[in-house]
Amino acid sequence: MSFVRLMNHTALLLLALSPLAVTEAQTPAVISLKPNPATIISLPPPTDQPPPESPLPDPIPIGPGFLINGALDLRTRTADTGRTGGFWLNTAELDIQHNITHRKTARGNIYLQLLAEDAPDIPHGSDIQIGEAYVTYRLPIEADFNSTAYVKAGQFQIPFGLLAVYDPHLQILQPLNAQSLGLRTDFGLAVSGRLYGYLNYDFSLTTGTGPNHIDVNPSRVVCFRLGRTFTTRNGVVNIGGSLLQGRLPNTDLTDDNPFAVELPPSGRVRADRLVNGDRFVSKSRIAGDVSYGYNRVTARGEIVAGADKDQRVLGYYAEGNYRFTRRLSAAVARSLFIYPTGNSNATRESVGLTYAGSRNLTIRGLYQYLRDVPRDEDGRVRHRFTVQVLLRF
């Protein structure tokens, strides 16, 4: 699909359904609502979520229990070698939510995310995709133990590591999920909630094939996370530990694929890296993640270890943000992922500035030093500069 056709699809999509806003922290439930509280009832999130780094636009009510949000993500970049990009519409997004109520009490919600994206790193990547699409329902568990349980069915972000508390799909800084897991969203079932009011848990069973695939082959992926949030005099800390096992897309660097996987906003899988005759590989992962916020400082990071089959993998991601003024902030980040074959690895070092002009407009500039080492080869170094204009409604 050409860029012109993509823009035509985007225009039709936005005209038909009108615009909306996106959240930077993953909240599977409807966020706190101000407009028309008589007809819109908010559902508490199943687990603790870090607050957004900047105020987000209020969702737009369009009918009894319905909300819409949206975004336009425009980007341009230059690079001295490899994927140079140019100017492109990274995504045009429309999110639709509908409350499920019983006796005027919020019990769940239905969520649909439509994405018209033009992924420069995927051949013929211009298309309209479904990002997240799921139904969430809060089980009527007795409150004697101060515990909750939310069941989710559909296509959603896997609750592994930072993905359990952070939604990176509209960010130019990305954690390790693309390189470690090979996907962000997957199709399946999940149960999330709180134990005794303070311990968060997430359990998911998904197909491992990524978004827009309901096929149960090649396997299922099991993921479990426990986390807790601490509020102290020196800030709010959210920590978690995750376990994952299953068959997932192969992300190894090879002669034919010398650069690390970069997923589009939908998290669409590129299961085209044929290694030893297989596009999927059995993966086991263990991760620790932390998010921290205090006054002008926001930080997050994760450490991932495990194996592809019986070969070890290891990686980490660390990011820090400092807000100079209400509108201007800076970010630094570093990541390393060591692949299971030979000396193959990928390094990302980043520094950037963000200008939040309003709730509806964010401009980001990011310089990155990228080093990808395919197995049994010398490293390929790239210097890349990306500018993002994010419009949210």
Protein backbone atom coordinates (compact mmCIF):
# COMPACT_ATOMS: atom_id res chain seq x y z
CA MET A 1 0.00 0.00 0.00
CA SER A 2 1.46 3.35 -1.02
CA PHE A 3 1.80 6.29 1.34
CA VAL A 4 -0.95 8.15 -0.56
CA ARG A 5 -3.35 5.23 -0.14
CA LEU A 6 -2.45 5.06 3.54
CA MET A 7 -3.31 8.74 3.96
CA ASN A 8 -6.64 8.16 2.19
CA HIS A 9 -7.44 5.26 4.55
CA THR A 10 -6.44 7.45 7.50
CA ALA A 11 -8.66 10.32 6.42
CA LEU A 12 -11.64 8.02 5.98
CA LEU A 13 -10.98 6.42 9.36
CA LEU A 14 -10.79 9.74 11.18
CA LEU A 15 -13.81 11.22 9.38
CA ALA A 16 -15.90 8.18 10.13
CA LEU A 17 -15.09 7.90 13.80
CA SER A 18 -13.57 11.29 14.78
CA PRO A 19 -10.34 11.82 16.79
CA LEU A 20 -9.06 10.75 20.25
CA ALA A 21 -6.20 10.51 22.81
CA VAL A 22 -3.74 7.78 23.79
CA THR A 23 -2.26 6.98 27.14
CA GLU A 24 1.45 6.47 27.70
CA ALA A 25 0.89 4.16 30.66
CA GLN A 26 -1.06 1.02 29.82
CA THR A 27 -4.43 1.14 31.55
CA PRO A 28 -6.69 -1.73 30.46
CA ALA A 29 -9.61 0.05 32.07
CA VAL A 30 -11.28 3.36 31.36
CA ILE A 31 -9.22 6.20 32.79
CA SER A 32 -10.65 8.66 35.30
CA LEU A 33 -13.42 10.56 33.62
CA LYS A 34 -14.63 14.13 33.98
CA PRO A 35 -17.20 14.62 31.21
CA ASN A 36 -20.83 13.73 31.87
CA PRO A 37 -20.36 11.47 34.94
CA ALA A 38 -24.08 10.64 34.92
CA THR A 39 -23.66 8.46 31.82
CA ILE A 40 -19.98 7.42 31.98
CA ILE A 41 -18.77 5.27 34.87
CA SER A 42 -15.07 4.71 35.37
CA LEU A 43 -13.63 1.27 36.10
CA PRO A 44 -10.64 1.16 38.47
CA PRO A 45 -7.50 -0.27 36.83
CA PRO A 46 -6.77 -3.90 37.76
CA THR A 47 -3.21 -3.16 38.89
CA ASP A 48 -1.21 -0.11 39.94
CA GLN A 49 -0.11 2.00 36.99
CA PRO A 50 2.50 4.79 37.12
CA PRO A 51 0.93 8.19 36.39
CA PRO A 52 1.43 9.69 32.91
CA GLU A 53 4.50 11.89 32.56
CA SER A 54 2.36 14.75 31.17
CA PRO A 55 -1.39 15.52 31.37
CA LEU A 56 -3.40 13.70 28.72
CA PRO A 57 -6.47 15.00 26.89
CA ASP A 58 -9.80 13.90 28.29
CA PRO A 59 -11.52 11.19 26.24
CA ILE A 60 -14.53 12.28 24.21
CA PRO A 61 -17.94 10.79 25.09
CA ILE A 62 -19.95 9.96 21.97
CA GLY A 63 -22.89 8.07 23.44
CA PRO A 64 -24.05 6.12 26.47
CA GLY A 65 -20.89 4.53 27.83
CA PHE A 66 -18.79 5.19 24.70
CA LEU A 67 -15.47 7.07 24.63
CA ILE A 68 -13.07 7.80 21.83
CA ASN A 69 -9.47 9.00 21.71
CA GLY A 70 -6.90 9.28 18.94
CA ALA A 71 -3.46 10.32 17.80
CA LEU A 72 -1.38 11.23 14.77
CA ASP A 73 2.29 10.26 15.03
CA LEU A 74 4.44 11.97 12.37
CA ARG A 75 8.17 11.26 12.17
CA THR A 76 11.27 12.06 10.19
CA ARG A 77 14.77 10.70 10.64
CA THR A 78 18.23 10.63 9.15
CA ALA A 79 20.88 7.95 9.49
CA ASP A 80 24.36 7.60 8.07
CA THR A 81 23.76 3.97 7.02
CA GLY A 82 21.16 1.21 7.10
CA ARG A 83 17.51 2.19 7.48
CA THR A 84 17.41 5.89 6.77
CA GLY A 85 13.63 6.40 6.73
CA GLY A 86 12.90 9.99 5.64
CA PHE A 87 9.47 11.44 6.47
CA TRP A 88 6.49 9.19 7.23
CA LEU A 89 3.21 8.86 9.08
CA ASN A 90 4.15 6.39 11.79
CA THR A 91 0.53 5.88 12.78
CA ALA A 92 -2.94 7.38 12.82
CA GLU A 93 -4.73 5.92 15.82
CA LEU A 94 -8.34 5.69 16.93
CA ASP A 95 -9.28 4.13 20.28
CA ILE A 96 -12.87 3.22 21.12
CA GLN A 97 -14.01 2.18 24.60
CA HIS A 98 -17.39 1.08 25.89
CA ASN A 99 -18.30 0.48 29.52
CA ILE A 100 -19.93 -2.68 30.78
CA THR A 101 -22.15 -1.83 33.75
CA HIS A 102 -24.46 -3.72 36.07
CA ARG A 103 -26.90 -1.85 38.31
CA LYS A 104 -25.08 1.39 37.61
CA THR A 105 -21.76 -0.14 38.70
CA ALA A 106 -18.80 -0.44 36.31
CA ARG A 107 -18.02 -4.12 35.79
CA GLY A 108 -15.81 -4.06 32.69
CA ASN A 109 -15.12 -2.45 29.35
CA ILE A 110 -14.60 -3.18 25.67
CA TYR A 111 -11.55 -1.66 24.01
CA LEU A 112 -10.65 -1.41 20.32
CA GLN A 113 -7.53 0.25 18.91
CA LEU A 114 -7.36 0.91 15.15
CA LEU A 115 -4.00 1.87 13.65
CA ALA A 116 -3.25 3.08 10.13
CA GLU A 117 0.53 2.73 10.10
CA ASP A 118 3.38 3.14 7.66
CA ALA A 119 6.26 1.17 9.14
CA PRO A 120 9.51 2.13 7.32
CA ASP A 121 11.41 -0.85 8.71
CA ILE A 122 8.98 -3.45 7.34
CA PRO A 123 8.72 -4.12 3.58
CA HIS A 124 5.27 -3.13 2.33
CA GLY A 125 4.48 -2.06 5.89
CA SER A 126 1.73 0.45 5.07
CA ASP A 127 -1.56 -0.99 6.29
CA ILE A 128 -4.49 -0.63 8.67
CA GLN A 129 -3.97 -2.87 11.69
CA ILE A 130 -5.75 -3.69 14.92
CA GLY A 131 -3.53 -2.86 17.86
CA GLU A 132 -5.24 -3.91 21.08
CA ALA A 133 -8.77 -5.32 21.03
CA TYR A 134 -10.16 -6.96 24.15
CA VAL A 135 -12.95 -7.29 26.68
CA THR A 136 -12.19 -6.78 30.38
CA TYR A 137 -14.56 -7.90 33.15
CA ARG A 138 -14.16 -7.56 36.90
CA LEU A 139 -15.09 -10.75 38.73
CA PRO A 140 -17.46 -10.35 41.71
CA ILE A 141 -14.95 -11.56 44.30
CA GLU A 142 -15.79 -10.95 47.94
CA ALA A 143 -13.87 -8.07 49.48
CA ASP A 144 -13.03 -9.90 52.70
CA PHE A 145 -9.42 -10.38 51.59
CA ASN A 146 -9.23 -6.96 49.86
CA SER A 147 -8.40 -8.73 46.59
CA THR A 148 -9.63 -8.27 43.02
CA ALA A 149 -9.56 -10.19 39.74
CA TYR A 150 -10.10 -8.86 36.21
CA VAL A 151 -10.45 -11.26 33.28
CA LYS A 152 -9.31 -10.06 29.86
CA ALA A 153 -9.93 -11.81 26.53
CA GLY A 154 -8.69 -10.73 23.11
CA GLN A 155 -5.56 -9.03 21.82
CA PHE A 156 -3.54 -7.13 24.42
CA GLN A 157 -0.07 -6.13 25.55
CA ILE A 158 1.77 -9.02 27.20
CA PRO A 159 2.29 -8.25 30.93
CA PHE A 160 6.00 -9.07 30.89
CA GLY A 161 8.56 -6.72 32.46
CA LEU A 162 7.95 -3.06 31.71
CA LEU A 163 5.10 -3.94 29.34
CA ALA A 164 2.94 -4.62 32.40
CA VAL A 165 3.06 -0.96 33.47
CA TYR A 166 4.25 0.95 30.40
CA ASP A 167 2.83 1.29 26.89
CA PRO A 168 5.67 2.17 24.46
CA HIS A 169 3.83 1.99 21.14
CA LEU A 170 3.88 5.79 20.53
CA GLN A 171 7.37 6.34 21.98
CA ILE A 172 10.66 6.72 20.14
CA LEU A 173 12.46 5.14 23.10
CA GLN A 174 11.64 1.44 23.27
CA PRO A 175 12.34 -1.19 25.97
CA LEU A 176 13.59 -4.70 25.19
CA ASN A 177 10.40 -6.47 24.08
CA ALA A 178 11.13 -6.27 20.33
CA GLN A 179 14.55 -7.85 20.69
CA SER A 180 13.80 -10.24 23.55
CA LEU A 181 10.25 -11.42 22.75
CA GLY A 182 9.80 -10.39 19.11
CA LEU A 183 6.33 -8.95 19.80
CA ARG A 184 4.42 -6.56 22.06
CA THR A 185 0.77 -7.60 21.73
CA ASP A 186 -0.63 -11.10 21.47
CA PHE A 187 -3.98 -12.92 21.36
CA GLY A 188 -5.24 -14.87 24.36
CA LEU A 189 -6.59 -14.71 27.91
CA ALA A 190 -5.31 -12.88 31.00
CA VAL A 191 -6.20 -12.45 34.67
CA SER A 192 -4.97 -9.40 36.59
CA GLY A 193 -5.67 -7.84 39.96
CA ARG A 194 -4.51 -7.16 43.49
CA LEU A 195 -3.86 -9.53 46.38
CA TYR A 196 -4.58 -8.16 49.86
CA GLY A 197 -4.82 -4.66 48.42
CA TYR A 198 -1.14 -4.08 47.68
CA LEU A 199 0.41 -6.95 45.68
CA ASN A 200 -0.28 -6.76 41.93
CA TYR A 201 -0.45 -9.90 39.80
CA ASP A 202 -0.78 -10.59 36.05
CA PHE A 203 -1.18 -13.98 34.41
CA SER A 204 -1.62 -14.47 30.66
CA LEU A 205 -1.92 -17.38 28.23
CA THR A 206 -1.42 -16.29 24.60
CA THR A 207 -0.69 -17.80 21.19
CA GLY A 208 2.82 -16.39 20.58
CA THR A 209 2.01 -15.38 16.99
CA GLY A 210 1.49 -11.67 17.64
CA PRO A 211 -1.38 -9.32 16.76
CA ASN A 212 -4.00 -10.07 14.11
CA HIS A 213 -3.38 -13.82 14.39
CA ILE A 214 -5.79 -16.15 16.16
CA ASP A 215 -4.01 -19.31 15.00
CA VAL A 216 -2.90 -21.39 17.99
CA ASN A 217 0.19 -22.60 16.15
CA PRO A 218 3.08 -22.77 16.75
CA SER A 219 2.45 -22.78 20.51
CA ARG A 220 1.12 -21.00 23.53
CA VAL A 221 3.01 -18.52 25.69
CA VAL A 222 2.59 -18.44 29.47
CA CYS A 223 3.49 -15.25 31.36
CA PHE A 224 3.27 -14.37 35.06
CA ARG A 225 4.21 -11.18 36.91
CA LEU A 226 4.09 -10.01 40.52
CA GLY A 227 4.60 -6.38 41.42
CA ARG A 228 4.20 -3.85 44.19
CA THR A 229 4.06 -0.06 44.46
CA PHE A 230 5.76 1.83 47.29
CA THR A 231 5.00 5.45 48.14
CA THR A 232 7.82 7.10 50.06
CA ARG A 233 8.93 10.62 50.98
CA ASN A 234 11.34 10.44 48.05
CA GLY A 235 8.94 9.34 45.36
CA VAL A 236 6.79 6.47 44.10
CA VAL A 237 8.44 3.16 43.18
CA ASN A 238 6.81 0.32 41.24
CA ILE A 239 8.78 -2.93 41.08
CA GLY A 240 7.97 -6.28 39.51
CA GLY A 241 9.27 -9.70 38.62
CA SER A 242 8.15 -11.70 35.56
CA LEU A 243 8.41 -15.22 34.19
CA LEU A 244 7.65 -16.26 30.60
CA GLN A 245 7.80 -19.53 28.67
CA GLY A 246 6.73 -20.37 25.12
CA ARG A 247 7.50 -20.28 21.41
CA LEU A 248 7.97 -16.79 20.03
CA PRO A 249 9.31 -15.19 16.82
CA ASN A 250 13.02 -15.60 16.19
CA THR A 251 14.81 -12.25 16.56
CA ASP A 252 18.43 -13.35 15.95
CA LEU A 253 20.67 -11.13 13.85
CA THR A 254 21.79 -12.82 10.62
CA ASP A 255 23.44 -11.91 7.31
CA ASP A 256 20.00 -11.32 5.80
CA ASN A 257 18.71 -9.45 8.89
CA PRO A 258 21.72 -7.56 10.29
CA PHE A 259 19.73 -4.95 12.27
CA ALA A 260 17.78 -5.47 15.48
CA VAL A 261 14.01 -5.90 15.20
CA GLU A 262 12.01 -2.66 15.45
CA LEU A 263 8.27 -3.17 15.86
CA PRO A 264 5.64 -0.80 14.44
CA PRO A 265 3.01 0.73 16.78
CA SER A 266 0.65 -2.23 16.36
CA GLY A 267 3.40 -4.60 17.49
CA ARG A 268 2.96 -6.55 14.25
CA VAL A 269 5.35 -9.50 14.12
CA ARG A 270 7.96 -9.98 11.43
CA ALA A 271 8.35 -13.75 11.73
CA ASP A 272 10.62 -13.84 8.69
CA ARG A 273 13.98 -14.52 10.33
CA LEU A 274 14.59 -18.11 9.31
CA VAL A 275 17.26 -19.53 11.63
CA ASN A 276 18.09 -23.23 11.52
CA GLY A 277 14.93 -23.84 9.50
CA ASP A 278 12.52 -22.25 11.97
CA ARG A 279 10.88 -18.81 12.25
CA PHE A 280 9.83 -19.46 15.85
CA VAL A 281 11.95 -20.60 18.77
CA SER A 282 11.28 -21.86 22.30
CA LYS A 283 12.07 -19.04 24.73
CA SER A 284 12.27 -18.84 28.50
CA ARG A 285 12.57 -15.42 30.13
CA ILE A 286 12.86 -13.98 33.62
CA ALA A 287 12.76 -10.21 34.15
CA GLY A 288 12.89 -7.59 36.86
CA ASP A 289 11.46 -4.13 36.21
CA VAL A 290 11.25 -0.86 38.11
CA SER A 291 9.52 2.49 37.56
CA TYR A 292 10.28 5.57 39.68
CA GLY A 293 8.80 9.04 39.85
CA TYR A 294 9.70 11.98 42.06
CA ASN A 295 9.03 15.65 41.35
CA ARG A 296 10.87 16.39 38.08
CA VAL A 297 12.42 12.92 37.69
CA THR A 298 10.97 9.84 36.01
CA ALA A 299 13.01 6.68 35.54
CA ARG A 300 12.32 3.14 34.39
CA GLY A 301 14.32 0.04 33.59
CA GLU A 302 14.31 -3.72 33.21
CA ILE A 303 16.75 -6.62 33.24
CA VAL A 304 15.96 -9.73 31.17
CA ALA A 305 17.70 -13.12 31.25
CA GLY A 306 16.82 -16.52 29.87
CA ALA A 307 17.44 -18.84 26.94
CA ASP A 308 16.45 -19.56 23.35
CA LYS A 309 16.24 -23.33 23.44
CA ASP A 310 19.33 -24.03 25.55
CA GLN A 311 21.39 -20.97 24.56
CA ARG A 312 21.59 -18.07 27.00
CA VAL A 313 20.31 -14.54 26.35
CA LEU A 314 20.77 -11.45 28.51
CA GLY A 315 19.75 -7.81 28.27
CA TYR A 316 18.92 -4.60 30.09
CA TYR A 317 17.18 -1.28 29.44
CA ALA A 318 17.58 1.91 31.50
CA GLU A 319 15.89 5.26 30.90
CA GLY A 320 15.89 8.53 32.85
CA ASN A 321 13.83 11.69 32.28
CA TYR A 322 14.26 15.12 33.86
CA ARG A 323 11.70 17.90 33.46
CA PHE A 324 13.33 21.35 33.35
CA THR A 325 10.05 23.25 33.04
CA ARG A 326 6.38 22.36 32.68
CA ARG A 327 6.91 21.97 28.92
CA LEU A 328 10.58 21.01 28.41
CA SER A 329 12.27 17.76 29.48
CA ALA A 330 15.31 15.66 28.59
CA ALA A 331 15.81 11.90 28.41
CA VAL A 332 18.79 9.56 28.31
CA ALA A 333 18.64 5.80 27.77
CA ARG A 334 20.83 2.80 27.17
CA SER A 335 20.01 -0.79 26.26
CA LEU A 336 21.96 -3.94 25.50
CA PHE A 337 20.65 -7.29 24.34
CA ILE A 338 22.95 -10.30 23.90
CA TYR A 339 21.55 -12.83 21.42
CA PRO A 340 22.00 -16.60 21.85
CA THR A 341 24.43 -17.15 18.95
CA GLY A 342 28.12 -16.35 19.09
CA ASN A 343 29.00 -12.77 19.99
CA SER A 344 25.80 -11.35 18.49
CA ASN A 345 24.38 -8.33 20.34
CA ALA A 346 22.61 -4.99 19.89
CA THR A 347 23.41 -1.76 21.75
CA ARG A 348 21.31 1.43 21.89
CA GLU A 349 22.53 4.70 23.43
CA SER A 350 20.07 7.61 23.24
CA VAL A 351 19.68 11.23 24.31
CA GLY A 352 16.71 13.42 23.51
CA LEU A 353 14.56 16.46 24.26
CA THR A 354 10.78 16.67 24.59
CA TYR A 355 8.60 19.76 24.26
CA ALA A 356 5.05 19.31 25.53
CA GLY A 357 3.30 22.30 23.99
CA SER A 358 -0.08 21.25 25.38
CA ARG A 359 -2.06 18.16 26.21
CA ASN A 360 -2.60 17.71 22.48
CA LEU A 361 0.89 18.37 21.11
CA THR A 362 4.23 16.74 21.93
CA ILE A 363 7.45 17.21 19.95
CA ARG A 364 10.41 14.92 20.55
CA GLY A 365 13.92 14.89 19.14
CA LEU A 366 16.22 11.91 19.71
CA TYR A 367 19.82 11.13 18.80
CA GLN A 368 20.83 7.44 18.91
CA TYR A 369 24.08 5.55 18.63
CA LEU A 370 23.15 2.08 17.35
CA ARG A 371 25.51 -0.89 17.17
CA ASP A 372 24.29 -4.24 15.83
CA VAL A 373 26.60 -7.27 15.73
CA PRO A 374 25.30 -10.20 13.65
CA ARG A 375 26.75 -13.57 14.56
CA ASP A 376 30.35 -14.10 13.45
CA GLU A 377 30.55 -10.58 11.96
CA ASP A 378 31.94 -7.19 12.88
CA GLY A 379 29.58 -4.66 14.41
CA ARG A 380 27.54 -2.29 12.25
CA VAL A 381 27.45 1.21 13.74
CA ARG A 382 24.79 3.79 12.88
CA HIS A 383 24.15 7.33 14.03
CA ARG A 384 20.47 8.22 13.81
CA PHE A 385 18.44 11.35 14.55
CA THR A 386 14.63 11.17 14.80
CA VAL A 387 12.03 13.90 15.20
CA GLN A 388 8.49 13.01 16.30
CA VAL A 389 5.41 15.25 16.20
CA LEU A 390 2.64 13.60 18.24
CA LEU A 391 -0.87 15.05 18.04
CA ARG A 392 -3.36 13.64 20.53
CA PHE A 393 -7.11 14.25 20.66
